[in-house]
PDB file of all heavy atoms in Angstrom:
ATOM      1  N   GLU A   1      92.259 129.157  18.684  1.00  0.00           N
ATOM      2  CA  GLU A   1      90.967 129.620  19.189  1.00  0.00           C
ATOM      3  C   GLU A   1      91.121 130.115  20.623  1.00  0.00           C
ATOM      4  O   GLU A   1      91.985 129.654  21.359  1.00  0.00           O
ATOM      5  CB  GLU A   1      89.964 128.458  19.210  1.00  0.00           C
ATOM      6  CG  GLU A   1      89.876 127.665  17.930  1.00  0.00           C
ATOM      7  CD  GLU A   1      88.804 128.144  16.992  1.00  0.00           C
ATOM      8  OE1 GLU A   1      87.786 128.687  17.467  1.00  0.00           O
ATOM      9  OE2 GLU A   1      88.975 127.967  15.762  1.00  0.00           O
ATOM     10  N   TRP A   2      90.244 131.033  20.994  1.00  0.00           N
ATOM     11  CA  TRP A   2      90.186 131.492  22.380  1.00  0.00           C
ATOM     12  C   TRP A   2      88.732 131.518  22.816  1.00  0.00           C
ATOM     13  O   TRP A   2      87.822 131.645  21.991  1.00  0.00           O
ATOM     14  CB  TRP A   2      90.832 132.878  22.551  1.00  0.00           C
ATOM     15  CG  TRP A   2      89.997 134.008  21.994  1.00  0.00           C
ATOM     16  CD1 TRP A   2      89.966 134.439  20.701  1.00  0.00           C
ATOM     17  CD2 TRP A   2      89.054 134.819  22.706  1.00  0.00           C
ATOM     18  NE1 TRP A   2      89.082 135.473  20.557  1.00  0.00           N
ATOM     19  CE2 TRP A   2      88.505 135.734  21.782  1.00  0.00           C
ATOM     20  CE3 TRP A   2      88.625 134.867  24.036  1.00  0.00           C
ATOM     21  CZ2 TRP A   2      87.541 136.683  22.138  1.00  0.00           C
ATOM     22  CZ3 TRP A   2      87.671 135.807  24.386  1.00  0.00           C
ATOM     23  CH2 TRP A   2      87.147 136.698  23.441  1.00  0.00           C
ATOM     24  N   HIS A   3      88.519 131.341  24.101  1.00  0.00           N
ATOM     25  CA  HIS A   3      87.195 131.544  24.692  1.00  0.00           C
ATOM     26  C   HIS A   3      87.356 131.813  26.184  1.00  0.00           C
ATOM     27  O   HIS A   3      88.433 131.626  26.744  1.00  0.00           O
ATOM     28  CB  HIS A   3      86.248 130.375  24.421  1.00  0.00           C
ATOM     29  CG  HIS A   3      86.558 129.115  25.168  1.00  0.00           C
ATOM     30  ND1 HIS A   3      87.566 128.243  24.795  1.00  0.00           N
ATOM     31  CD2 HIS A   3      85.996 128.573  26.271  1.00  0.00           C
ATOM     32  CE1 HIS A   3      87.595 127.219  25.635  1.00  0.00           C
ATOM     33  NE2 HIS A   3      86.656 127.399  26.559  1.00  0.00           N
ATOM     34  N   THR A   4      86.306 132.273  26.802  1.00  0.00           N
ATOM     35  CA  THR A   4      86.336 132.596  28.225  1.00  0.00           C
ATOM     36  C   THR A   4      85.733 131.460  29.052  1.00  0.00           C
ATOM     37  O   THR A   4      84.995 130.622  28.535  1.00  0.00           O
ATOM     38  CB  THR A   4      85.552 133.894  28.521  1.00  0.00           C
ATOM     39  OG1 THR A   4      84.180 133.700  28.147  1.00  0.00           O
ATOM     40  CG2 THR A   4      86.136 135.079  27.769  1.00  0.00           C
ATOM     41  N   HIS A   5      86.069 131.476  30.330  1.00  0.00           N
ATOM     42  CA  HIS A   5      85.443 130.606  31.334  1.00  0.00           C
ATOM     43  C   HIS A   5      85.064 131.488  32.521  1.00  0.00           C
ATOM     44  O   HIS A   5      85.802 132.414  32.855  1.00  0.00           O
ATOM     45  CB  HIS A   5      86.407 129.532  31.829  1.00  0.00           C
ATOM     46  CG  HIS A   5      86.399 128.277  31.031  1.00  0.00           C
ATOM     47  ND1 HIS A   5      86.999 127.126  31.473  1.00  0.00           N
ATOM     48  CD2 HIS A   5      85.879 127.965  29.821  1.00  0.00           C
ATOM     49  CE1 HIS A   5      86.855 126.164  30.571  1.00  0.00           C
ATOM     50  NE2 HIS A   5      86.186 126.661  29.559  1.00  0.00           N
ATOM     51  N   PRO A   6      83.963 131.164  33.187  1.00  0.00           N
ATOM     52  CA  PRO A   6      83.546 131.939  34.361  1.00  0.00           C
ATOM     53  C   PRO A   6      84.246 131.463  35.635  1.00  0.00           C
ATOM     54  O   PRO A   6      83.609 131.071  36.612  1.00  0.00           O
ATOM     55  CB  PRO A   6      82.033 131.697  34.416  1.00  0.00           C
ATOM     56  CG  PRO A   6      81.875 130.309  33.859  1.00  0.00           C
ATOM     57  CD  PRO A   6      82.946 130.183  32.795  1.00  0.00           C
ATOM     58  N   GLU A   7      85.578 131.478  35.608  1.00  0.00           N
ATOM     59  CA  GLU A   7      86.361 131.074  36.775  1.00  0.00           C
ATOM     60  C   GLU A   7      87.627 131.906  36.822  1.00  0.00           C
ATOM     61  O   GLU A   7      88.068 132.437  35.804  1.00  0.00           O
ATOM     62  CB  GLU A   7      86.680 129.577  36.734  1.00  0.00           C
ATOM     63  CG  GLU A   7      87.356 129.116  35.470  1.00  0.00           C
ATOM     64  CD  GLU A   7      87.439 127.602  35.347  1.00  0.00           C
ATOM     65  OE1 GLU A   7      87.477 126.895  36.371  1.00  0.00           O
ATOM     66  OE2 GLU A   7      87.495 127.114  34.214  1.00  0.00           O
ATOM     67  N   ASP A   8      88.215 132.032  37.999  1.00  0.00           N
ATOM     68  CA  ASP A   8      89.405 132.867  38.160  1.00  0.00           C
ATOM     69  C   ASP A   8      90.586 132.327  37.369  1.00  0.00           C
ATOM     70  O   ASP A   8      91.244 133.060  36.631  1.00  0.00           O
ATOM     71  CB  ASP A   8      89.788 132.983  39.642  1.00  0.00           C
ATOM     72  CG  ASP A   8      88.802 133.827  40.433  1.00  0.00           C
ATOM     73  OD1 ASP A   8      87.983 134.535  39.821  1.00  0.00           O
ATOM     74  OD2 ASP A   8      88.865 133.771  41.678  1.00  0.00           O
ATOM     75  N   HIS A   9      90.894 131.053  37.564  1.00  0.00           N
ATOM     76  CA  HIS A   9      92.048 130.426  36.921  1.00  0.00           C
ATOM     77  C   HIS A   9      91.530 129.248  36.092  1.00  0.00           C
ATOM     78  O   HIS A   9      91.334 128.156  36.625  1.00  0.00           O
ATOM     79  CB  HIS A   9      93.071 129.974  37.970  1.00  0.00           C
ATOM     80  CG  HIS A   9      93.491 131.104  38.867  1.00  0.00           C
ATOM     81  ND1 HIS A   9      94.324 132.119  38.447  1.00  0.00           N
ATOM     82  CD2 HIS A   9      93.144 131.400  40.140  1.00  0.00           C
ATOM     83  CE1 HIS A   9      94.488 132.986  39.435  1.00  0.00           C
ATOM     84  NE2 HIS A   9      93.782 132.576  40.472  1.00  0.00           N
ATOM     85  N   PRO A  10      91.292 129.478  34.807  1.00  0.00           N
ATOM     86  CA  PRO A  10      90.578 128.489  33.990  1.00  0.00           C
ATOM     87  C   PRO A  10      91.385 127.228  33.699  1.00  0.00           C
ATOM     88  O   PRO A  10      92.606 127.257  33.594  1.00  0.00           O
ATOM     89  CB  PRO A  10      90.299 129.254  32.697  1.00  0.00           C
ATOM     90  CG  PRO A  10      91.411 130.245  32.602  1.00  0.00           C
ATOM     91  CD  PRO A  10      91.682 130.654  34.022  1.00  0.00           C
ATOM     92  N   GLN A  11      90.665 126.142  33.566  1.00  0.00           N
ATOM     93  CA  GLN A  11      91.200 124.854  33.158  1.00  0.00           C
ATOM     94  C   GLN A  11      90.280 124.301  32.065  1.00  0.00           C
ATOM     95  O   GLN A  11      89.062 124.497  32.118  1.00  0.00           O
ATOM     96  CB  GLN A  11      91.243 123.872  34.335  1.00  0.00           C
ATOM     97  CG  GLN A  11      92.269 124.234  35.384  1.00  0.00           C
ATOM     98  CD  GLN A  11      93.685 124.109  34.846  1.00  0.00           C
ATOM     99  OE1 GLN A  11      94.068 123.118  34.236  1.00  0.00           O
ATOM    100  NE2 GLN A  11      94.480 125.159  35.057  1.00  0.00           N
ATOM    101  N   PRO A  12      90.826 123.597  31.083  1.00  0.00           N
ATOM    102  CA  PRO A  12      89.992 123.069  30.007  1.00  0.00           C
ATOM    103  C   PRO A  12      89.074 121.948  30.489  1.00  0.00           C
ATOM    104  O   PRO A  12      89.467 121.125  31.314  1.00  0.00           O
ATOM    105  CB  PRO A  12      90.999 122.554  28.984  1.00  0.00           C
ATOM    106  CG  PRO A  12      92.276 122.409  29.714  1.00  0.00           C
ATOM    107  CD  PRO A  12      92.247 123.346  30.874  1.00  0.00           C
ATOM    108  N   SER A  13      87.856 121.953  29.942  1.00  0.00           N
ATOM    109  CA  SER A  13      86.901 120.882  30.218  1.00  0.00           C
ATOM    110  C   SER A  13      87.143 119.746  29.220  1.00  0.00           C
ATOM    111  O   SER A  13      87.902 119.896  28.261  1.00  0.00           O
ATOM    112  CB  SER A  13      85.472 121.408  30.048  1.00  0.00           C
ATOM    113  OG  SER A  13      85.243 121.731  28.676  1.00  0.00           O
ATOM    114  N   SER A  14      86.477 118.624  29.435  1.00  0.00           N
ATOM    115  CA  SER A  14      86.601 117.518  28.477  1.00  0.00           C
ATOM    116  C   SER A  14      86.032 117.927  27.121  1.00  0.00           C
ATOM    117  O   SER A  14      86.545 117.520  26.074  1.00  0.00           O
ATOM    118  CB  SER A  14      85.919 116.253  29.011  1.00  0.00           C
ATOM    119  OG  SER A  14      84.556 116.505  29.270  1.00  0.00           O
ATOM    120  N   LEU A  15      84.997 118.771  27.117  1.00  0.00           N
ATOM    121  CA  LEU A  15      84.433 119.290  25.870  1.00  0.00           C
ATOM    122  C   LEU A  15      85.456 120.175  25.151  1.00  0.00           C
ATOM    123  O   LEU A  15      85.632 120.069  23.936  1.00  0.00           O
ATOM    124  CB  LEU A  15      83.149 120.068  26.139  1.00  0.00           C
ATOM    125  CG  LEU A  15      82.450 120.666  24.918  1.00  0.00           C
ATOM    126  CD1 LEU A  15      82.053 119.583  23.928  1.00  0.00           C
ATOM    127  CD2 LEU A  15      81.240 121.469  25.353  1.00  0.00           C
ATOM    128  N   ASP A  16      86.152 121.024  25.910  1.00  0.00           N
ATOM    129  CA  ASP A  16      87.209 121.855  25.322  1.00  0.00           C
ATOM    130  C   ASP A  16      88.247 120.963  24.643  1.00  0.00           C
ATOM    131  O   ASP A  16      88.624 121.188  23.490  1.00  0.00           O
ATOM    132  CB  ASP A  16      87.919 122.706  26.388  1.00  0.00           C
ATOM    133  CG  ASP A  16      87.060 123.814  26.958  1.00  0.00           C
ATOM    134  OD1 ASP A  16      86.159 124.312  26.254  1.00  0.00           O
ATOM    135  OD2 ASP A  16      87.298 124.182  28.126  1.00  0.00           O
ATOM    136  N   ARG A  17      88.714 119.948  25.359  1.00  0.00           N
ATOM    137  CA  ARG A  17      89.768 119.074  24.837  1.00  0.00           C
ATOM    138  C   ARG A  17      89.338 118.356  23.559  1.00  0.00           C
ATOM    139  O   ARG A  17      90.094 118.280  22.593  1.00  0.00           O
ATOM    140  CB  ARG A  17      90.207 118.063  25.876  1.00  0.00           C
ATOM    141  CG  ARG A  17      90.940 118.723  27.023  1.00  0.00           C
ATOM    142  CD  ARG A  17      92.005 117.831  27.608  1.00  0.00           C
ATOM    143  NE  ARG A  17      92.812 118.625  28.513  1.00  0.00           N
ATOM    144  CZ  ARG A  17      93.834 119.370  28.140  1.00  0.00           C
ATOM    145  NH1 ARG A  17      94.193 119.411  26.878  1.00  0.00           N
ATOM    146  NH2 ARG A  17      94.512 120.081  29.010  1.00  0.00           N
ATOM    147  N   SER A  18      88.118 117.826  23.538  1.00  0.00           N
ATOM    148  CA  SER A  18      87.676 117.106  22.341  1.00  0.00           C
ATOM    149  C   SER A  18      87.525 118.068  21.157  1.00  0.00           C
ATOM    150  O   SER A  18      87.890 117.717  20.029  1.00  0.00           O
ATOM    151  CB  SER A  18      86.379 116.335  22.601  1.00  0.00           C
ATOM    152  OG  SER A  18      85.324 117.216  22.896  1.00  0.00           O
ATOM    153  N   GLU A  19      87.048 119.283  21.408  1.00  0.00           N
ATOM    154  CA  GLU A  19      86.915 120.278  20.345  1.00  0.00           C
ATOM    155  C   GLU A  19      88.290 120.715  19.840  1.00  0.00           C
ATOM    156  O   GLU A  19      88.504 120.858  18.633  1.00  0.00           O
ATOM    157  CB  GLU A  19      86.116 121.480  20.852  1.00  0.00           C
ATOM    158  CG  GLU A  19      85.870 122.552  19.812  1.00  0.00           C
ATOM    159  CD  GLU A  19      84.956 122.132  18.673  1.00  0.00           C
ATOM    160  OE1 GLU A  19      84.379 121.025  18.705  1.00  0.00           O
ATOM    161  OE2 GLU A  19      84.830 122.915  17.715  1.00  0.00           O
ATOM    162  N   TRP A  20      89.237 120.929  20.738  1.00  0.00           N
ATOM    163  CA  TRP A  20      90.584 121.324  20.333  1.00  0.00           C
ATOM    164  C   TRP A  20      91.233 120.243  19.472  1.00  0.00           C
ATOM    165  O   TRP A  20      91.867 120.544  18.464  1.00  0.00           O
ATOM    166  CB  TRP A  20      91.456 121.604  21.546  1.00  0.00           C
ATOM    167  CG  TRP A  20      91.039 122.791  22.362  1.00  0.00           C
ATOM    168  CD1 TRP A  20      90.161 123.778  22.013  1.00  0.00           C
ATOM    169  CD2 TRP A  20      91.493 123.101  23.670  1.00  0.00           C
ATOM    170  NE1 TRP A  20      90.044 124.689  23.034  1.00  0.00           N
ATOM    171  CE2 TRP A  20      90.857 124.288  24.067  1.00  0.00           C
ATOM    172  CE3 TRP A  20      92.365 122.489  24.560  1.00  0.00           C
ATOM    173  CZ2 TRP A  20      91.077 124.888  25.307  1.00  0.00           C
ATOM    174  CZ3 TRP A  20      92.590 123.077  25.792  1.00  0.00           C
ATOM    175  CH2 TRP A  20      91.940 124.271  26.159  1.00  0.00           C
ATOM    176  N   ASN A  21      91.091 118.982  19.862  1.00  0.00           N
ATOM    177  CA  ASN A  21      91.665 117.893  19.074  1.00  0.00           C
ATOM    178  C   ASN A  21      91.024 117.832  17.685  1.00  0.00           C
ATOM    179  O   ASN A  21      91.714 117.607  16.686  1.00  0.00           O
ATOM    180  CB  ASN A  21      91.522 116.553  19.794  1.00  0.00           C
ATOM    181  CG  ASN A  21      92.404 116.459  21.023  1.00  0.00           C
ATOM    182  OD1 ASN A  21      93.380 117.177  21.171  1.00  0.00           O
ATOM    183  ND2 ASN A  21      92.043 115.580  21.928  1.00  0.00           N
ATOM    184  N   ARG A  22      89.708 118.053  17.619  1.00  0.00           N
ATOM    185  CA  ARG A  22      89.006 118.053  16.337  1.00  0.00           C
ATOM    186  C   ARG A  22      89.509 119.188  15.447  1.00  0.00           C
ATOM    187  O   ARG A  22      89.809 118.989  14.269  1.00  0.00           O
ATOM    188  CB  ARG A  22      87.495 118.186  16.573  1.00  0.00           C
ATOM    189  CG  ARG A  22      86.665 118.075  15.298  1.00  0.00           C
ATOM    190  CD  ARG A  22      85.197 118.344  15.559  1.00  0.00           C
ATOM    191  NE  ARG A  22      84.940 119.735  15.866  1.00  0.00           N
ATOM    192  CZ  ARG A  22      84.895 120.720  14.958  1.00  0.00           C
ATOM    193  NH1 ARG A  22      85.130 120.466  13.688  1.00  0.00           N
ATOM    194  NH2 ARG A  22      84.635 121.961  15.320  1.00  0.00           N
ATOM    195  N   LEU A  23      89.617 120.386  16.021  1.00  0.00           N
ATOM    196  CA  LEU A  23      90.083 121.536  15.246  1.00  0.00           C
ATOM    197  C   LEU A  23      91.536 121.381  14.822  1.00  0.00           C
ATOM    198  O   LEU A  23      91.910 121.749  13.703  1.00  0.00           O
ATOM    199  CB  LEU A  23      89.904 122.828  16.053  1.00  0.00           C
ATOM    200  CG  LEU A  23      88.467 123.285  16.252  1.00  0.00           C
ATOM    201  CD1 LEU A  23      88.401 124.397  17.292  1.00  0.00           C
ATOM    202  CD2 LEU A  23      87.852 123.743  14.936  1.00  0.00           C
ATOM    203  N   SER A  24      92.360 120.816  15.686  1.00  0.00           N
ATOM    204  CA  SER A  24      93.770 120.606  15.356  1.00  0.00           C
ATOM    205  C   SER A  24      93.909 119.621  14.192  1.00  0.00           C
ATOM    206  O   SER A  24      94.744 119.810  13.298  1.00  0.00           O
ATOM    207  CB  SER A  24      94.532 120.102  16.583  1.00  0.00           C
ATOM    208  OG  SER A  24      95.900 120.030  16.317  1.00  0.00           O
ATOM    209  N   ALA A  25      93.089 118.588  14.186  1.00  0.00           N
ATOM    210  CA  ALA A  25      93.141 117.588  13.115  1.00  0.00           C
ATOM    211  C   ALA A  25      92.750 118.185  11.771  1.00  0.00           C
ATOM    212  O   ALA A  25      93.184 117.689  10.719  1.00  0.00           O
ATOM    213  CB  ALA A  25      92.230 116.410  13.454  1.00  0.00           C
ATOM    214  N   LYS A  26      91.960 119.248  11.778  1.00  0.00           N
ATOM    215  CA  LYS A  26      91.518 119.889  10.533  1.00  0.00           C
ATOM    216  C   LYS A  26      92.536 120.874   9.970  1.00  0.00           C
ATOM    217  O   LYS A  26      92.363 121.362   8.855  1.00  0.00           O
ATOM    218  CB  LYS A  26      90.205 120.650  10.777  1.00  0.00           C
ATOM    219  CG  LYS A  26      89.006 119.762  10.966  1.00  0.00           C
ATOM    220  CD  LYS A  26      87.753 120.539  11.324  1.00  0.00           C
ATOM    221  CE  LYS A  26      87.477 121.714  10.423  1.00  0.00           C
ATOM    222  NZ  LYS A  26      86.209 122.403  10.743  1.00  0.00           N
ATOM    223  N   ARG A  27      93.614 121.164  10.703  1.00  0.00           N
ATOM    224  CA  ARG A  27      94.588 122.158  10.248  1.00  0.00           C
ATOM    225  C   ARG A  27      95.246 121.717   8.948  1.00  0.00           C
ATOM    226  O   ARG A  27      95.802 120.626   8.879  1.00  0.00           O
ATOM    227  CB  ARG A  27      95.692 122.373  11.301  1.00  0.00           C
ATOM    228  CG  ARG A  27      95.286 122.945  12.621  1.00  0.00           C
ATOM    229  CD  ARG A  27      95.181 124.446  12.668  1.00  0.00           C
ATOM    230  NE  ARG A  27      96.237 125.195  12.040  1.00  0.00           N
ATOM    231  CZ  ARG A  27      97.151 125.904  12.681  1.00  0.00           C
ATOM    232  NH1 ARG A  27      97.154 125.952  13.987  1.00  0.00           N
ATOM    233  NH2 ARG A  27      98.052 126.591  12.014  1.00  0.00           N
ATOM    234  N   ARG A  28      95.218 122.587   7.953  1.00  0.00           N
ATOM    235  CA  ARG A  28      95.848 122.284   6.660  1.00  0.00           C
ATOM    236  C   ARG A  28      97.367 122.217   6.771  1.00  0.00           C
ATOM    237  O   ARG A  28      98.008 121.445   6.071  1.00  0.00           O
ATOM    238  CB  ARG A  28      95.467 123.345   5.634  1.00  0.00           C
ATOM    239  CG  ARG A  28      94.028 123.283   5.234  1.00  0.00           C
ATOM    240  CD  ARG A  28      93.714 124.323   4.192  1.00  0.00           C
ATOM    241  NE  ARG A  28      92.285 124.350   3.968  1.00  0.00           N
ATOM    242  CZ  ARG A  28      91.660 125.358   3.421  1.00  0.00           C
ATOM    243  NH1 ARG A  28      92.325 126.417   3.026  1.00  0.00           N
ATOM    244  NH2 ARG A  28      90.365 125.318   3.247  1.00  0.00           N
ATOM    245  N   ASP A  29      97.934 123.057   7.656  1.00  0.00           N
ATOM    246  CA  ASP A  29      99.394 123.091   7.775  1.00  0.00           C
ATOM    247  C   ASP A  29      99.931 122.045   8.757  1.00  0.00           C
ATOM    248  O   ASP A  29     101.135 121.950   8.973  1.00  0.00           O
ATOM    249  CB  ASP A  29      99.873 124.487   8.169  1.00  0.00           C
ATOM    250  CG  ASP A  29      99.338 124.961   9.513  1.00  0.00           C
ATOM    251  OD1 ASP A  29      98.675 124.174  10.232  1.00  0.00           O
ATOM    252  OD2 ASP A  29      99.574 126.132   9.853  1.00  0.00           O
ATOM    253  N   LYS A  30      99.027 121.265   9.351  1.00  0.00           N
ATOM    254  CA  LYS A  30      99.378 120.167  10.272  1.00  0.00           C
ATOM    255  C   LYS A  30     100.085 120.628  11.555  1.00  0.00           C
ATOM    256  O   LYS A  30     100.614 119.813  12.297  1.00  0.00           O
ATOM    257  CB  LYS A  30     100.226 119.095   9.575  1.00  0.00           C
ATOM    258  CG  LYS A  30      99.540 118.478   8.375  1.00  0.00           C
ATOM    259  CD  LYS A  30      98.233 117.823   8.766  1.00  0.00           C
ATOM    260  CE  LYS A  30      97.539 117.204   7.571  1.00  0.00           C
ATOM    261  NZ  LYS A  30      96.156 116.894   7.823  1.00  0.00           N
ATOM    262  N   ARG A  31     100.098 121.945  11.823  1.00  0.00           N
ATOM    263  CA  ARG A  31     100.677 122.456  13.075  1.00  0.00           C
ATOM    264  C   ARG A  31      99.682 122.225  14.209  1.00  0.00           C
ATOM    265  O   ARG A  31      98.471 122.223  13.996  1.00  0.00           O
ATOM    266  CB  ARG A  31     100.937 123.965  12.958  1.00  0.00           C
ATOM    267  CG  ARG A  31     102.078 124.335  12.038  1.00  0.00           C
ATOM    268  CD  ARG A  31     102.263 125.836  12.008  1.00  0.00           C
ATOM    269  NE  ARG A  31     102.442 126.405  13.334  1.00  0.00           N
ATOM    270  CZ  ARG A  31     103.598 126.493  13.973  1.00  0.00           C
ATOM    271  NH1 ARG A  31     104.695 126.059  13.412  1.00  0.00           N
ATOM    272  NH2 ARG A  31     103.668 127.030  15.174  1.00  0.00           N
ATOM    273  N   PRO A  32     100.172 122.091  15.439  1.00  0.00           N
ATOM    274  CA  PRO A  32      99.253 122.050  16.583  1.00  0.00           C
ATOM    275  C   PRO A  32      98.475 123.373  16.670  1.00  0.00           C
ATOM    276  O   PRO A  32      98.946 124.417  16.213  1.00  0.00           O
ATOM    277  CB  PRO A  32     100.177 121.896  17.786  1.00  0.00           C
ATOM    278  CG  PRO A  32     101.466 121.408  17.235  1.00  0.00           C
ATOM    279  CD  PRO A  32     101.562 121.946  15.841  1.00  0.00           C
ATOM    280  N   MET A  33      97.299 123.309  17.228  1.00  0.00           N
ATOM    281  CA  MET A  33      96.455 124.485  17.372  1.00  0.00           C
ATOM    282  C   MET A  33      96.699 125.152  18.728  1.00  0.00           C
ATOM    283  O   MET A  33      96.827 124.466  19.740  1.00  0.00           O
ATOM    284  CB  MET A  33      94.988 124.070  17.281  1.00  0.00           C
ATOM    285  CG  MET A  33      94.041 125.242  17.333  1.00  0.00           C
ATOM    286  SD  MET A  33      92.351 124.774  17.749  1.00  0.00           S
ATOM    287  CE  MET A  33      92.470 124.649  19.508  1.00  0.00           C
ATOM    288  N   LEU A  34      96.753 126.464  18.734  1.00  0.00           N
ATOM    289  CA  LEU A  34      96.873 127.198  19.984  1.00  0.00           C
ATOM    290  C   LEU A  34      95.481 127.369  20.587  1.00  0.00           C
ATOM    291  O   LEU A  34      94.563 127.849  19.913  1.00  0.00           O
ATOM    292  CB  LEU A  34      97.515 128.572  19.751  1.00  0.00           C
ATOM    293  CG  LEU A  34      97.659 129.435  20.996  1.00  0.00           C
ATOM    294  CD1 LEU A  34      98.575 128.792  22.017  1.00  0.00           C
ATOM    295  CD2 LEU A  34      98.170 130.817  20.608  1.00  0.00           C
ATOM    296  N   ALA A  35      95.319 126.955  21.819  1.00  0.00           N
ATOM    297  CA  ALA A  35      94.044 127.084  22.526  1.00  0.00           C
ATOM    298  C   ALA A  35      94.263 127.968  23.756  1.00  0.00           C
ATOM    299  O   ALA A  35      95.179 127.717  24.537  1.00  0.00           O
ATOM    300  CB  ALA A  35      93.536 125.712  22.951  1.00  0.00           C
ATOM    301  N   VAL A  36      93.423 128.989  23.890  1.00  0.00           N
ATOM    302  CA  VAL A  36      93.534 129.915  25.017  1.00  0.00           C
ATOM    303  C   VAL A  36      92.180 130.018  25.710  1.00  0.00           C
ATOM    304  O   VAL A  36      91.146 130.185  25.057  1.00  0.00           O
ATOM    305  CB  VAL A  36      93.998 131.319  24.547  1.00  0.00           C
ATOM    306  CG1 VAL A  36      93.959 132.314  25.698  1.00  0.00           C
ATOM    307  CG2 VAL A  36      95.387 131.246  23.935  1.00  0.00           C
ATOM    308  N   ILE A  37      92.214 129.909  27.028  1.00  0.00           N
ATOM    309  CA  ILE A  37      91.013 130.150  27.836  1.00  0.00           C
ATOM    310  C   ILE A  37      91.296 131.371  28.700  1.00  0.00           C
ATOM    311  O   ILE A  37      92.315 131.429  29.396  1.00  0.00           O
ATOM    312  CB  ILE A  37      90.660 128.948  28.738  1.00  0.00           C
ATOM    313  CG1 ILE A  37      90.492 127.679  27.921  1.00  0.00           C
ATOM    314  CG2 ILE A  37      89.374 129.253  29.517  1.00  0.00           C
ATOM    315  CD1 ILE A  37      90.277 126.426  28.759  1.00  0.00           C
ATOM    316  N   VAL A  38      90.389 132.320  28.641  1.00  0.00           N
ATOM    317  CA  VAL A  38      90.509 133.565  29.395  1.00  0.00           C
ATOM    318  C   VAL A  38      89.677 133.445  30.668  1.00  0.00           C
ATOM    319  O   VAL A  38      88.459 133.276  30.600  1.00  0.00           O
ATOM    320  CB  VAL A  38      90.022 134.767  28.557  1.00  0.00           C
ATOM    321  CG1 VAL A  38      90.097 136.055  29.359  1.00  0.00           C
ATOM    322  CG2 VAL A  38      90.826 134.873  27.263  1.00  0.00           C
ATOM    323  N   GLY A  39      90.337 133.492  31.805  1.00  0.00           N
ATOM    324  CA  GLY A  39      89.642 133.465  33.081  1.00  0.00           C
ATOM    325  C   GLY A  39      89.545 134.856  33.671  1.00  0.00           C
ATOM    326  O   GLY A  39      89.979 135.837  33.059  1.00  0.00           O
ATOM    327  N   ARG A  40      88.997 134.944  34.863  1.00  0.00           N
ATOM    328  CA  ARG A  40      88.850 136.247  35.522  1.00  0.00           C
ATOM    329  C   ARG A  40      90.186 136.831  35.957  1.00  0.00           C
ATOM    330  O   ARG A  40      90.379 138.035  35.959  1.00  0.00           O
ATOM    331  CB  ARG A  40      87.919 136.115  36.714  1.00  0.00           C
ATOM    332  CG  ARG A  40      86.490 135.804  36.321  1.00  0.00           C
ATOM    333  CD  ARG A  40      85.604 135.649  37.545  1.00  0.00           C
ATOM    334  NE  ARG A  40      84.240 135.390  37.126  1.00  0.00           N
ATOM    335  CZ  ARG A  40      83.431 134.543  37.727  1.00  0.00           C
ATOM    336  NH1 ARG A  40      83.840 133.864  38.797  1.00  0.00           N
ATOM    337  NH2 ARG A  40      82.205 134.373  37.288  1.00  0.00           N
ATOM    338  N   LYS A  41      91.133 135.968  36.348  1.00  0.00           N
ATOM    339  CA  LYS A  41      92.424 136.451  36.854  1.00  0.00           C
ATOM    340  C   LYS A  41      93.622 135.961  36.062  1.00  0.00           C
ATOM    341  O   LYS A  41      94.722 136.484  36.238  1.00  0.00           O
ATOM    342  CB  LYS A  41      92.596 136.036  38.322  1.00  0.00           C
ATOM    343  CG  LYS A  41      91.595 136.699  39.244  1.00  0.00           C
ATOM    344  CD  LYS A  41      91.826 136.299  40.681  1.00  0.00           C
ATOM    345  CE  LYS A  41      90.833 136.996  41.599  1.00  0.00           C
ATOM    346  NZ  LYS A  41      91.035 136.590  43.002  1.00  0.00           N
TER     347      LYS A  41
END
């Protein structure tokens, strides 16, 4: 998954982390999920 943040150099929030862990646990192939946050810079 990817999403944007309104900051120059993005860092994941606690909400991001909990959602990523939830989505990763749902993966059928059991691979880790790639998470990308797009910042301004």
